PDB file of N, CA and C in Angstrom:
ATOM      1  N   MET A   1     -44.110 -13.958  26.646  1.00  0.00           N
ATOM      2  CA  MET A   1     -43.534 -14.500  27.269  1.00  0.00           C
ATOM      3  C   MET A   1     -43.052 -15.790  26.517  1.00  0.00           C
ATOM      4  N   LYS A   2     -43.435 -16.222  25.821  1.00  0.00           N
ATOM      5  CA  LYS A   2     -43.028 -17.035  24.524  1.00  0.00           C
ATOM      6  C   LYS A   2     -42.277 -15.772  23.740  1.00  0.00           C
ATOM      7  N   SER A   3     -42.807 -14.935  23.224  1.00  0.00           N
ATOM      8  CA  SER A   3     -42.272 -14.419  22.443  1.00  0.00           C
ATOM      9  C   SER A   3     -40.558 -13.747  22.926  1.00  0.00           C
ATOM     10  N   ARG A   4     -40.436 -13.657  24.111  1.00  0.00           N
ATOM     11  CA  ARG A   4     -39.068 -13.572  24.365  1.00  0.00           C
ATOM     12  C   ARG A   4     -38.311 -14.837  24.464  1.00  0.00           C
ATOM     13  N   PHE A   5     -38.478 -15.914  24.835  1.00  0.00           N
ATOM     14  CA  PHE A   5     -37.820 -16.910  24.407  1.00  0.00           C
ATOM     15  C   PHE A   5     -37.335 -16.553  23.104  1.00  0.00           C
ATOM     16  N   ARG A   6     -38.227 -16.676  22.341  1.00  0.00           N
ATOM     17  CA  ARG A   6     -38.331 -16.098  20.499  1.00  0.00           C
ATOM     18  C   ARG A   6     -37.191 -15.630  20.372  1.00  0.00           C
ATOM     19  N   LEU A   7     -36.945 -14.675  20.594  1.00  0.00           N
ATOM     20  CA  LEU A   7     -36.342 -13.481  20.549  1.00  0.00           C
ATOM     21  C   LEU A   7     -34.557 -13.855  21.383  1.00  0.00           C
ATOM     22  N   ILE A   8     -34.729 -14.321  22.651  1.00  0.00           N
ATOM     23  CA  ILE A   8     -33.325 -14.859  22.905  1.00  0.00           C
ATOM     24  C   ILE A   8     -33.167 -16.151  21.979  1.00  0.00           C
ATOM     25  N   ALA A   9     -33.838 -17.306  21.226  1.00  0.00           N
ATOM     26  CA  ALA A   9     -33.508 -18.351  20.961  1.00  0.00           C
ATOM     27  C   ALA A   9     -32.875 -17.308  19.146  1.00  0.00           C
ATOM     28  N   ILE A  10     -33.955 -16.418  18.378  1.00  0.00           N
ATOM     29  CA  ILE A  10     -32.989 -16.237  17.387  1.00  0.00           C
ATOM     30  C   ILE A  10     -32.003 -15.278  17.574  1.00  0.00           C
ATOM     31  N   LEU A  11     -31.999 -14.741  18.703  1.00  0.00           N
ATOM     32  CA  LEU A  11     -30.139 -14.225  18.749  1.00  0.00           C
ATOM     33  C   LEU A  11     -29.489 -14.771  18.993  1.00  0.00           C
ATOM     34  N   LEU A  12     -29.413 -15.986  19.468  1.00  0.00           N
ATOM     35  CA  LEU A  12     -28.335 -17.285  20.121  1.00  0.00           C
ATOM     36  C   LEU A  12     -28.198 -17.904  18.610  1.00  0.00           C
ATOM     37  N   LEU A  13     -29.352 -17.696  17.999  1.00  0.00           N
ATOM     38  CA  LEU A  13     -28.698 -18.634  16.465  1.00  0.00           C
ATOM     39  C   LEU A  13     -27.763 -17.838  15.379  1.00  0.00           C
ATOM     40  N   PHE A  14     -28.253 -16.228  15.783  1.00  0.00           N
ATOM     41  CA  PHE A  14     -27.328 -15.494  14.880  1.00  0.00           C
ATOM     42  C   PHE A  14     -25.981 -15.112  15.491  1.00  0.00           C
ATOM     43  N   CYS A  15     -25.504 -15.563  17.087  1.00  0.00           N
ATOM     44  CA  CYS A  15     -25.015 -15.219  17.550  1.00  0.00           C
ATOM     45  C   CYS A  15     -23.552 -16.617  17.401  1.00  0.00           C
ATOM     46  N   GLU A  16     -24.005 -17.450  16.920  1.00  0.00           N
ATOM     47  CA  GLU A  16     -23.784 -19.182  16.563  1.00  0.00           C
ATOM     48  C   GLU A  16     -23.118 -18.466  15.655  1.00  0.00           C
ATOM     49  N   VAL A  17     -24.056 -18.383  14.743  1.00  0.00           N
ATOM     50  CA  VAL A  17     -23.903 -18.309  13.468  1.00  0.00           C
ATOM     51  C   VAL A  17     -22.873 -17.567  12.778  1.00  0.00           C
ATOM     52  N   GLY A  18     -22.581 -16.524  13.521  1.00  0.00           N
ATOM     53  CA  GLY A  18     -21.958 -14.841  13.375  1.00  0.00           C
ATOM     54  C   GLY A  18     -20.727 -15.628  14.000  1.00  0.00           C
ATOM     55  N   CYS A  19     -20.410 -16.257  15.066  1.00  0.00           N
ATOM     56  CA  CYS A  19     -19.509 -16.666  15.805  1.00  0.00           C
ATOM     57  C   CYS A  19     -18.506 -17.488  15.493  1.00  0.00           C
ATOM     58  N   GLN A  20     -19.207 -18.832  14.118  1.00  0.00           N
ATOM     59  CA  GLN A  20     -17.970 -19.531  14.111  1.00  0.00           C
ATOM     60  C   GLN A  20     -16.801 -19.223  12.955  1.00  0.00           C
ATOM     61  N   ARG A  21     -15.819 -20.013  13.819  1.00  0.00           N
ATOM     62  CA  ARG A  21     -14.451 -19.945  13.134  1.00  0.00           C
ATOM     63  C   ARG A  21     -14.488 -20.477  12.018  1.00  0.00           C
ATOM     64  N   THR A  22     -13.365 -20.438  10.756  1.00  0.00           N
ATOM     65  CA  THR A  22     -13.128 -20.975   9.633  1.00  0.00           C
ATOM     66  C   THR A  22     -11.930 -22.144  10.242  1.00  0.00           C
ATOM     67  N   LEU A  23     -11.965 -23.694   9.378  1.00  0.00           N
ATOM     68  CA  LEU A  23     -11.199 -24.428  10.028  1.00  0.00           C
ATOM     69  C   LEU A  23      -9.803 -23.775   9.802  1.00  0.00           C
ATOM     70  N   TYR A  24      -9.141 -23.146   8.646  1.00  0.00           N
ATOM     71  CA  TYR A  24      -8.321 -22.982   8.474  1.00  0.00           C
ATOM     72  C   TYR A  24      -7.986 -21.055   8.508  1.00  0.00           C
ATOM     73  N   ASP A  25      -6.659 -20.824   9.187  1.00  0.00           N
ATOM     74  CA  ASP A  25      -6.181 -19.435   9.574  1.00  0.00           C
ATOM     75  C   ASP A  25      -5.750 -18.933   8.047  1.00  0.00           C
ATOM     76  N   TRP A  26      -6.242 -18.343   7.168  1.00  0.00           N
ATOM     77  CA  TRP A  26      -6.416 -18.150   5.837  1.00  0.00           C
ATOM     78  C   TRP A  26      -5.368 -16.798   5.866  1.00  0.00           C
ATOM     79  N   GLY A  27      -5.908 -15.858   6.601  1.00  0.00           N
ATOM     80  CA  GLY A  27      -4.689 -14.360   6.695  1.00  0.00           C
ATOM     81  C   GLY A  27      -4.917 -13.800   5.305  1.00  0.00           C
ATOM     82  N   SER A  28      -3.527 -13.114   4.887  1.00  0.00           N
ATOM     83  CA  SER A  28      -4.102 -12.628   3.858  1.00  0.00           C
ATOM     84  C   SER A  28      -3.470 -13.388   2.435  1.00  0.00           C
ATOM     85  N   TYR A  29      -3.222 -14.654   2.776  1.00  0.00           N
ATOM     86  CA  TYR A  29      -2.614 -15.755   1.585  1.00  0.00           C
ATOM     87  C   TYR A  29      -3.434 -15.298   0.426  1.00  0.00           C
ATOM     88  N   GLU A  30      -4.739 -15.433   0.371  1.00  0.00           N
ATOM     89  CA  GLU A  30      -5.261 -15.248  -0.613  1.00  0.00           C
ATOM     90  C   GLU A  30      -4.634 -13.897  -1.654  1.00  0.00           C
ATOM     91  N   ARG A  31      -4.765 -13.379  -1.127  1.00  0.00           N
ATOM     92  CA  ARG A  31      -4.011 -11.528  -1.885  1.00  0.00           C
ATOM     93  C   ARG A  31      -2.790 -11.719  -1.881  1.00  0.00           C
ATOM     94  N   SER A  32      -1.745 -12.410  -1.501  1.00  0.00           N
ATOM     95  CA  SER A  32      -0.724 -12.351  -1.819  1.00  0.00           C
ATOM     96  C   SER A  32      -0.479 -13.687  -3.256  1.00  0.00           C
ATOM     97  N   VAL A  33      -1.150 -14.591  -3.057  1.00  0.00           N
ATOM     98  CA  VAL A  33      -1.280 -15.186  -4.371  1.00  0.00           C
ATOM     99  C   VAL A  33      -1.657 -14.062  -5.823  1.00  0.00           C
ATOM    100  N   PHE A  34      -2.844 -13.305  -5.198  1.00  0.00           N
ATOM    101  CA  PHE A  34      -3.581 -12.951  -6.407  1.00  0.00           C
ATOM    102  C   PHE A  34      -2.398 -11.582  -6.893  1.00  0.00           C
ATOM    103  N   ASN A  35      -1.582 -11.083  -5.741  1.00  0.00           N
ATOM    104  CA  ASN A  35      -0.525  -9.906  -5.721  1.00  0.00           C
ATOM    105  C   ASN A  35       0.230 -10.244  -7.165  1.00  0.00           C
ATOM    106  N   MET A  36       0.857 -11.460  -6.201  1.00  0.00           N
ATOM    107  CA  MET A  36       1.972 -12.282  -7.617  1.00  0.00           C
ATOM    108  C   MET A  36       1.369 -12.262  -8.856  1.00  0.00           C
ATOM    109  N   TYR A  37       0.371 -13.046  -9.183  1.00  0.00           N
ATOM    110  CA  TYR A  37       0.074 -13.391 -10.479  1.00  0.00           C
ATOM    111  C   TYR A  37      -0.628 -12.276 -10.805  1.00  0.00           C
ATOM    112  N   SER A  38      -0.423 -10.837 -10.752  1.00  0.00           N
ATOM    113  CA  SER A  38      -1.259 -10.298 -11.112  1.00  0.00           C
ATOM    114  C   SER A  38      -0.585  -8.826 -11.718  1.00  0.00           C
ATOM    115  N   SER A  39       0.680  -9.138 -11.835  1.00  0.00           N
ATOM    116  CA  SER A  39       1.538  -8.545 -12.571  1.00  0.00           C
ATOM    117  C   SER A  39       1.817  -6.617 -11.707  1.00  0.00           C
ATOM    118  N   ARG A  40       1.659  -6.723 -10.456  1.00  0.00           N
ATOM    119  CA  ARG A  40       1.900  -5.859 -10.196  1.00  0.00           C
ATOM    120  C   ARG A  40       3.402  -4.890 -10.214  1.00  0.00           C
ATOM    121  N   GLU A  41       3.317  -3.489 -10.399  1.00  0.00           N
ATOM    122  CA  GLU A  41       5.032  -3.591 -10.107  1.00  0.00           C
ATOM    123  C   GLU A  41       5.426  -3.574  -8.866  1.00  0.00           C
ATOM    124  N   ASP A  42       4.239  -3.027  -8.232  1.00  0.00           N
ATOM    125  CA  ASP A  42       4.704  -2.866  -6.486  1.00  0.00           C
ATOM    126  C   ASP A  42       4.802  -4.263  -6.033  1.00  0.00           C
ATOM    127  N   PHE A  43       4.531  -4.932  -5.844  1.00  0.00           N
ATOM    128  CA  PHE A  43       5.025  -6.318  -6.090  1.00  0.00           C
ATOM    129  C   PHE A  43       5.707  -6.758  -5.280  1.00  0.00           C
ATOM    130  N   SER A  44       6.863  -7.213  -4.287  1.00  0.00           N
ATOM    131  CA  SER A  44       7.907  -7.118  -3.474  1.00  0.00           C
ATOM    132  C   SER A  44       7.565  -8.792  -2.517  1.00  0.00           C
ATOM    133  N   ALA A  45       8.346  -9.782  -3.314  1.00  0.00           N
ATOM    134  CA  ALA A  45       8.667 -11.211  -2.475  1.00  0.00           C
ATOM    135  C   ALA A  45       9.134 -10.901  -1.249  1.00  0.00           C
ATOM    136  N   ALA A  46       9.972 -10.259  -0.988  1.00  0.00           N
ATOM    137  CA  ALA A  46      10.635  -9.908   0.759  1.00  0.00           C
ATOM    138  C   ALA A  46       9.120  -9.174   1.297  1.00  0.00           C
ATOM    139  N   THR A  47       8.429  -8.496   1.339  1.00  0.00           N
ATOM    140  CA  THR A  47       7.559  -7.985   2.072  1.00  0.00           C
ATOM    141  C   THR A  47       5.860  -8.634   2.248  1.00  0.00           C
ATOM    142  N   GLU A  48       6.162  -9.894   0.733  1.00  0.00           N
ATOM    143  CA  GLU A  48       4.886 -10.688   0.801  1.00  0.00           C
ATOM    144  C   GLU A  48       5.478 -11.744   2.363  1.00  0.00           C
ATOM    145  N   ILE A  49       6.674 -12.418   1.784  1.00  0.00           N
ATOM    146  CA  ILE A  49       7.116 -12.529   2.978  1.00  0.00           C
ATOM    147  C   ILE A  49       7.508 -13.008   4.176  1.00  0.00           C
ATOM    148  N   ASP A  50       7.717 -11.735   4.472  1.00  0.00           N
ATOM    149  CA  ASP A  50       7.728 -11.388   5.730  1.00  0.00           C
ATOM    150  C   ASP A  50       5.956 -10.961   6.526  1.00  0.00           C
ATOM    151  N   ARG A  51       5.192 -10.907   5.406  1.00  0.00           N
ATOM    152  CA  ARG A  51       3.820 -10.748   5.796  1.00  0.00           C
ATOM    153  C   ARG A  51       3.496 -12.433   6.045  1.00  0.00           C
ATOM    154  N   LEU A  52       3.409 -13.004   5.089  1.00  0.00           N
ATOM    155  CA  LEU A  52       3.299 -14.785   5.748  1.00  0.00           C
ATOM    156  C   LEU A  52       3.564 -15.200   6.552  1.00  0.00           C
ATOM    157  N   GLN A  53       4.673 -14.726   6.797  1.00  0.00           N
ATOM    158  CA  GLN A  53       5.911 -15.700   7.992  1.00  0.00           C
ATOM    159  C   GLN A  53       5.349 -14.939   9.583  1.00  0.00           C
ATOM    160  N   LYS A  54       5.037 -13.787   9.247  1.00  0.00           N
ATOM    161  CA  LYS A  54       4.120 -13.377  10.891  1.00  0.00           C
ATOM    162  C   LYS A  54       3.319 -14.209  10.844  1.00  0.00           C
ATOM    163  N   GLU A  55       2.158 -14.072  10.012  1.00  0.00           N
ATOM    164  CA  GLU A  55       1.015 -14.600   9.668  1.00  0.00           C
ATOM    165  C   GLU A  55       1.534 -16.003  10.051  1.00  0.00           C
ATOM    166  N   VAL A  56       2.063 -17.060   9.300  1.00  0.00           N
ATOM    167  CA  VAL A  56       2.434 -18.404  10.068  1.00  0.00           C
ATOM    168  C   VAL A  56       2.519 -18.955  11.548  1.00  0.00           C
ATOM    169  N   GLU A  57       3.405 -18.081  11.892  1.00  0.00           N
ATOM    170  CA  GLU A  57       3.944 -17.635  13.172  1.00  0.00           C
ATOM    171  C   GLU A  57       2.757 -17.791  14.318  1.00  0.00           C
ATOM    172  N   ARG A  58       2.048 -16.403  13.825  1.00  0.00           N
ATOM    173  CA  ARG A  58       1.064 -16.113  14.604  1.00  0.00           C
ATOM    174  C   ARG A  58       0.067 -17.602  14.678  1.00  0.00           C
ATOM    175  N   THR A  59      -0.564 -18.117  13.594  1.00  0.00           N
ATOM    176  CA  THR A  59      -1.699 -18.762  13.724  1.00  0.00           C
ATOM    177  C   THR A  59      -0.731 -20.436  14.478  1.00  0.00           C
ATOM    178  N   GLU A  60       0.443 -20.447  14.298  1.00  0.00           N
ATOM    179  CA  GLU A  60       1.058 -21.447  14.849  1.00  0.00           C
ATOM    180  C   GLU A  60       0.988 -21.434  16.672  1.00  0.00           C
ATOM    181  N   ARG A  61       0.918 -19.879  17.309  1.00  0.00           N
ATOM    182  CA  ARG A  61       1.009 -19.376  18.804  1.00  0.00           C
ATOM    183  C   ARG A  61      -0.445 -19.898  19.274  1.00  0.00           C
ATOM    184  N   LYS A  62      -1.785 -19.843  18.193  1.00  0.00           N
ATOM    185  CA  LYS A  62      -3.161 -20.175  18.674  1.00  0.00           C
ATOM    186  C   LYS A  62      -3.261 -20.959  18.171  1.00  0.00           C
ATOM    187  N   ASN A  63      -2.547 -22.320  17.886  1.00  0.00           N
ATOM    188  CA  ASN A  63      -2.745 -23.872  17.452  1.00  0.00           C
ATOM    189  C   ASN A  63      -4.020 -23.909  17.011  1.00  0.00           C
ATOM    190  N   ARG A  64      -3.709 -22.830  15.327  1.00  0.00           N
ATOM    191  CA  ARG A  64      -4.565 -22.836  14.229  1.00  0.00           C
ATOM    192  C   ARG A  64      -4.333 -23.566  13.069  1.00  0.00           C
ATOM    193  N   ALA A  65      -5.035 -23.885  11.984  1.00  0.00           N
ATOM    194  CA  ALA A  65      -4.506 -24.542  11.388  1.00  0.00           C
ATOM    195  C   ALA A  65      -4.223 -23.865  10.032  1.00  0.00           C
ATOM    196  N   ILE A  66      -2.936 -24.268   9.368  1.00  0.00           N
ATOM    197  CA  ILE A  66      -2.026 -23.218   8.669  1.00  0.00           C
ATOM    198  C   ILE A  66      -3.266 -23.984   6.972  1.00  0.00           C
ATOM    199  N   PRO A  67      -3.389 -23.044   6.075  1.00  0.00           N
ATOM    200  CA  PRO A  67      -4.582 -23.329   5.243  1.00  0.00           C
ATOM    201  C   PRO A  67      -3.553 -24.372   4.237  1.00  0.00           C
ATOM    202  N   PRO A  68      -4.219 -25.217   3.110  1.00  0.00           N
ATOM    203  CA  PRO A  68      -3.240 -25.979   2.191  1.00  0.00           C
ATOM    204  C   PRO A  68      -2.743 -25.223   1.224  1.00  0.00           C
ATOM    205  N   GLY A  69      -1.057 -24.938   0.967  1.00  0.00           N
ATOM    206  CA  GLY A  69      -1.188 -24.290  -0.021  1.00  0.00           C
ATOM    207  C   GLY A  69       0.197 -23.011   0.481  1.00  0.00           C
ATOM    208  N   LYS A  70      -0.126 -22.994   1.882  1.00  0.00           N
ATOM    209  CA  LYS A  70       0.094 -21.480   2.476  1.00  0.00           C
ATOM    210  C   LYS A  70       1.595 -21.752   2.607  1.00  0.00           C
ATOM    211  N   MET A  71       2.279 -22.739   2.701  1.00  0.00           N
ATOM    212  CA  MET A  71       3.734 -23.101   3.054  1.00  0.00           C
ATOM    213  C   MET A  71       4.039 -23.268   1.338  1.00  0.00           C
ATOM    214  N   ALA A  72       3.265 -23.931   1.030  1.00  0.00           N
ATOM    215  CA  ALA A  72       4.234 -23.628  -0.794  1.00  0.00           C
ATOM    216  C   ALA A  72       4.525 -22.577  -1.111  1.00  0.00           C
ATOM    217  N   HIS A  73       2.953 -21.282  -1.007  1.00  0.00           N
ATOM    218  CA  HIS A  73       3.552 -20.326  -1.484  1.00  0.00           C
ATOM    219  C   HIS A  73       4.043 -19.685  -1.011  1.00  0.00           C
ATOM    220  N   LEU A  74       4.359 -19.900   0.494  1.00  0.00           N
ATOM    221  CA  LEU A  74       5.694 -19.088   1.394  1.00  0.00           C
ATOM    222  C   LEU A  74       7.357 -19.380   0.426  1.00  0.00           C
ATOM    223  N   GLY A  75       7.123 -20.745   0.720  1.00  0.00           N
ATOM    224  CA  GLY A  75       8.602 -21.578  -0.411  1.00  0.00           C
ATOM    225  C   GLY A  75       8.934 -21.078  -1.013  1.00  0.00           C
ATOM    226  N   TYR A  76       7.351 -20.662  -2.498  1.00  0.00           N
ATOM    227  CA  TYR A  76       8.201 -20.198  -4.073  1.00  0.00           C
ATOM    228  C   TYR A  76       8.321 -18.653  -3.271  1.00  0.00           C
ATOM    229  N   LEU A  77       7.819 -18.351  -2.653  1.00  0.00           N
ATOM    230  CA  LEU A  77       8.825 -16.791  -2.532  1.00  0.00           C
ATOM    231  C   LEU A  77       9.777 -16.730  -2.196  1.00  0.00           C
ATOM    232  N   TYR A  78      10.622 -17.595  -1.241  1.00  0.00           N
ATOM    233  CA  TYR A  78      11.741 -17.639  -0.571  1.00  0.00           C
ATOM    234  C   TYR A  78      12.579 -18.023  -1.929  1.00  0.00           C
ATOM    235  N   LEU A  79      11.834 -19.253  -2.617  1.00  0.00           N
ATOM    236  CA  LEU A  79      12.757 -19.582  -3.963  1.00  0.00           C
ATOM    237  C   LEU A  79      12.564 -18.106  -4.792  1.00  0.00           C
ATOM    238  N   MET A  80      11.703 -17.328  -5.202  1.00  0.00           N
ATOM    239  CA  MET A  80      11.674 -16.240  -5.734  1.00  0.00           C
ATOM    240  C   MET A  80      12.810 -14.808  -5.395  1.00  0.00           C
ATOM    241  N   ALA A  81      13.114 -15.307  -3.567  1.00  0.00           N
ATOM    242  CA  ALA A  81      14.078 -14.008  -2.870  1.00  0.00           C
ATOM    243  C   ALA A  81      15.572 -14.689  -3.101  1.00  0.00           C
ATOM    244  N   GLY A  82      15.375 -16.155  -3.802  1.00  0.00           N
ATOM    245  CA  GLY A  82      16.751 -16.464  -3.636  1.00  0.00           C
ATOM    246  C   GLY A  82      17.364 -17.556  -2.303  1.00  0.00           C
ATOM    247  N   ASP A  83      16.308 -17.338  -1.771  1.00  0.00           N
ATOM    248  CA  ASP A  83      16.895 -18.263  -0.029  1.00  0.00           C
ATOM    249  C   ASP A  83      16.153 -19.724  -0.743  1.00  0.00           C
ATOM    250  N   ASN A  84      16.924 -20.532  -1.285  1.00  0.00           N
ATOM    251  CA  ASN A  84      16.801 -21.942  -1.741  1.00  0.00           C
ATOM    252  C   ASN A  84      16.436 -22.811   0.077  1.00  0.00           C
ATOM    253  N   GLU A  85      16.555 -22.479   1.189  1.00  0.00           N
ATOM    254  CA  GLU A  85      17.226 -23.542   2.283  1.00  0.00           C
ATOM    255  C   GLU A  85      15.571 -23.402   2.567  1.00  0.00           C
ATOM    256  N   ARG A  86      15.279 -21.727   3.141  1.00  0.00           N
ATOM    257  CA  ARG A  86      13.891 -21.503   4.121  1.00  0.00           C
ATOM    258  C   ARG A  86      12.556 -22.171   2.625  1.00  0.00           C
ATOM    259  N   ALA A  87      12.567 -21.992   1.564  1.00  0.00           N
ATOM    260  CA  ALA A  87      12.172 -22.083   0.052  1.00  0.00           C
ATOM    261  C   ALA A  87      11.653 -24.032   0.413  1.00  0.00           C
ATOM    262  N   GLN A  88      12.938 -24.759   1.023  1.00  0.00           N
ATOM    263  CA  GLN A  88      13.057 -25.946   0.639  1.00  0.00           C
ATOM    264  C   GLN A  88      12.088 -26.605   2.074  1.00  0.00           C
ATOM    265  N   ALA A  89      12.375 -25.988   3.409  1.00  0.00           N
ATOM    266  CA  ALA A  89      11.600 -25.927   4.377  1.00  0.00           C
ATOM    267  C   ALA A  89      10.061 -25.648   4.536  1.00  0.00           C
ATOM    268  N   CYS A  90       9.920 -24.541   3.864  1.00  0.00           N
ATOM    269  CA  CYS A  90       8.897 -24.492   3.312  1.00  0.00           C
ATOM    270  C   CYS A  90       7.737 -25.748   3.017  1.00  0.00           C
ATOM    271  N   PHE A  91       8.538 -25.890   1.302  1.00  0.00           N
ATOM    272  CA  PHE A  91       7.681 -27.194   0.821  1.00  0.00           C
ATOM    273  C   PHE A  91       7.657 -28.962   1.713  1.00  0.00           C
ATOM    274  N   GLU A  92       8.530 -28.658   2.968  1.00  0.00           N
ATOM    275  CA  GLU A  92       8.993 -30.162   3.622  1.00  0.00           C
ATOM    276  C   GLU A  92       7.931 -29.841   4.344  1.00  0.00           C
ATOM    277  N   LYS A  93       7.064 -28.196   4.865  1.00  0.00           N
ATOM    278  CA  LYS A  93       6.013 -28.606   5.935  1.00  0.00           C
ATOM    279  C   LYS A  93       4.725 -28.466   5.037  1.00  0.00           C
ATOM    280  N   GLU A  94       4.512 -28.112   3.984  1.00  0.00           N
ATOM    281  CA  GLU A  94       3.301 -28.391   3.585  1.00  0.00           C
ATOM    282  C   GLU A  94       3.217 -29.993   3.235  1.00  0.00           C
ATOM    283  N   ARG A  95       4.430 -30.499   2.597  1.00  0.00           N
ATOM    284  CA  ARG A  95       4.371 -31.987   2.592  1.00  0.00           C
ATOM    285  C   ARG A  95       3.994 -32.652   3.506  1.00  0.00           C
ATOM    286  N   GLN A  96       4.333 -31.990   4.675  1.00  0.00           N
ATOM    287  CA  GLN A  96       4.210 -32.989   6.364  1.00  0.00           C
ATOM    288  C   GLN A  96       2.253 -32.524   6.958  1.00  0.00           C
ATOM    289  N   LEU A  97       1.871 -31.293   6.364  1.00  0.00           N
ATOM    290  CA  LEU A  97       0.786 -31.064   6.824  1.00  0.00           C
ATOM    291  C   LEU A  97      -0.505 -31.420   5.700  1.00  0.00           C
ATOM    292  N   PHE A  98       0.227 -31.463   4.934  1.00  0.00           N
ATOM    293  CA  PHE A  98      -0.875 -32.480   3.579  1.00  0.00           C
ATOM    294  C   PHE A  98      -0.645 -33.367   2.717  1.00  0.00           C
ATOM    295  N   PRO A  99       0.032 -34.074   3.115  1.00  0.00           N
ATOM    296  CA  PRO A  99       0.455 -35.195   2.533  1.00  0.00           C
ATOM    297  C   PRO A  99       0.007 -35.884   0.883  1.00  0.00           C
ATOM    298  N   GLU A 100      -1.574 -35.268   0.781  1.00  0.00           N
ATOM    299  CA  GLU A 100      -2.153 -35.482  -0.032  1.00  0.00           C
ATOM    300  C   GLU A 100      -1.125 -34.828  -1.373  1.00  0.00           C
ATOM    301  N   GLY A 101      -0.719 -33.952  -0.862  1.00  0.00           N
ATOM    302  CA  GLY A 101       0.028 -32.916  -1.992  1.00  0.00           C
ATOM    303  C   GLY A 101       1.849 -33.133  -2.116  1.00  0.00           C
ATOM    304  N   GLY A 102       1.952 -34.454  -1.678  1.00  0.00           N
ATOM    305  CA  GLY A 102       2.834 -34.873  -1.241  1.00  0.00           C
ATOM    306  C   GLY A 102       3.886 -35.002  -2.602  1.00  0.00           C
ATOM    307  N   LYS A 103       3.362 -35.525  -3.316  1.00  0.00           N
ATOM    308  CA  LYS A 103       4.205 -35.831  -4.985  1.00  0.00           C
ATOM    309  C   LYS A 103       4.571 -34.615  -5.721  1.00  0.00           C
ATOM    310  N   PHE A 104       3.496 -33.226  -5.408  1.00  0.00           N
ATOM    311  CA  PHE A 104       3.834 -32.264  -5.960  1.00  0.00           C
ATOM    312  C   PHE A 104       5.120 -31.451  -5.187  1.00  0.00           C
ATOM    313  N   MET A 105       5.172 -31.684  -4.049  1.00  0.00           N
ATOM    314  CA  MET A 105       6.095 -31.447  -3.121  1.00  0.00           C
ATOM    315  C   MET A 105       7.394 -31.230  -3.329  1.00  0.00           C
ATOM    316  N   GLU A 106       7.256 -33.179  -3.857  1.00  0.00           N
ATOM    317  CA  GLU A 106       8.557 -33.773  -4.063  1.00  0.00           C
ATOM    318  C   GLU A 106       9.129 -33.888  -5.269  1.00  0.00           C
ATOM    319  N   PHE A 107       8.042 -33.197  -5.945  1.00  0.00           N
ATOM    320  CA  PHE A 107       8.105 -32.696  -7.783  1.00  0.00           C
ATOM    321  C   PHE A 107       9.167 -31.706  -7.573  1.00  0.00           C
ATOM    322  N   LEU A 108       8.573 -30.433  -7.033  1.00  0.00           N
ATOM    323  CA  LEU A 108       9.313 -29.359  -6.384  1.00  0.00           C
ATOM    324  C   LEU A 108      10.312 -28.892  -6.085  1.00  0.00           C
ATOM    325  N   LEU A 109      10.926 -29.778  -5.020  1.00  0.00           N
ATOM    326  CA  LEU A 109      12.296 -30.214  -3.909  1.00  0.00           C
ATOM    327  C   LEU A 109      13.095 -30.879  -5.008  1.00  0.00           C
ATOM    328  N   GLY A 110      12.705 -31.683  -5.788  1.00  0.00           N
ATOM    329  CA  GLY A 110      13.525 -32.534  -6.698  1.00  0.00           C
ATOM    330  C   GLY A 110      13.986 -31.624  -7.826  1.00  0.00           C
ATOM    331  N   ARG A 111      13.489 -30.813  -8.136  1.00  0.00           N
ATOM    332  CA  ARG A 111      13.460 -29.738  -9.451  1.00  0.00           C
ATOM    333  C   ARG A 111      14.811 -28.539  -8.597  1.00  0.00           C
ATOM    334  N   MET A 112      14.506 -28.662  -7.368  1.00  0.00           N
ATOM    335  CA  MET A 112      15.720 -27.715  -6.357  1.00  0.00           C
ATOM    336  C   MET A 112      16.922 -28.175  -6.337  1.00  0.00           C
ATOM    337  N   GLN A 113      16.963 -29.842  -6.673  1.00  0.00           N
ATOM    338  CA  GLN A 113      17.959 -30.430  -6.322  1.00  0.00           C
ATOM    339  C   GLN A 113      19.143 -30.417  -7.493  1.00  0.00           C
ATOM    340  N   GLY A 114      18.079 -30.402  -8.909  1.00  0.00           N
ATOM    341  CA  GLY A 114      18.958 -30.617  -9.845  1.00  0.00           C
ATOM    342  C   GLY A 114      18.496 -29.745 -10.802  1.00  0.00           C
TER     343      GLY A 114
END
């Protein structure tokens, strides 16, 4: 009888550990940053923008947290693609989500203005 309870307790413990969700929904953010800086010939800002924008929308629909830096990275990709308006919106959203990075976002926004 005790061994059955132990087995159940162990299974529940493994389920608890294995079922934990992370605080942030990282998606392909880290891979996107790596691809951008690894000087790959097949890197496409448009492809990365499309993938990350869909992930952000999916994350927001699920009421999950967007990780720090993801909106700034997306904004930088928009800047690379020449879409300053969307880049600015992403930098603003990063500043709103993570005020501790606000000075850097203000710096980037200022650079866009002048």
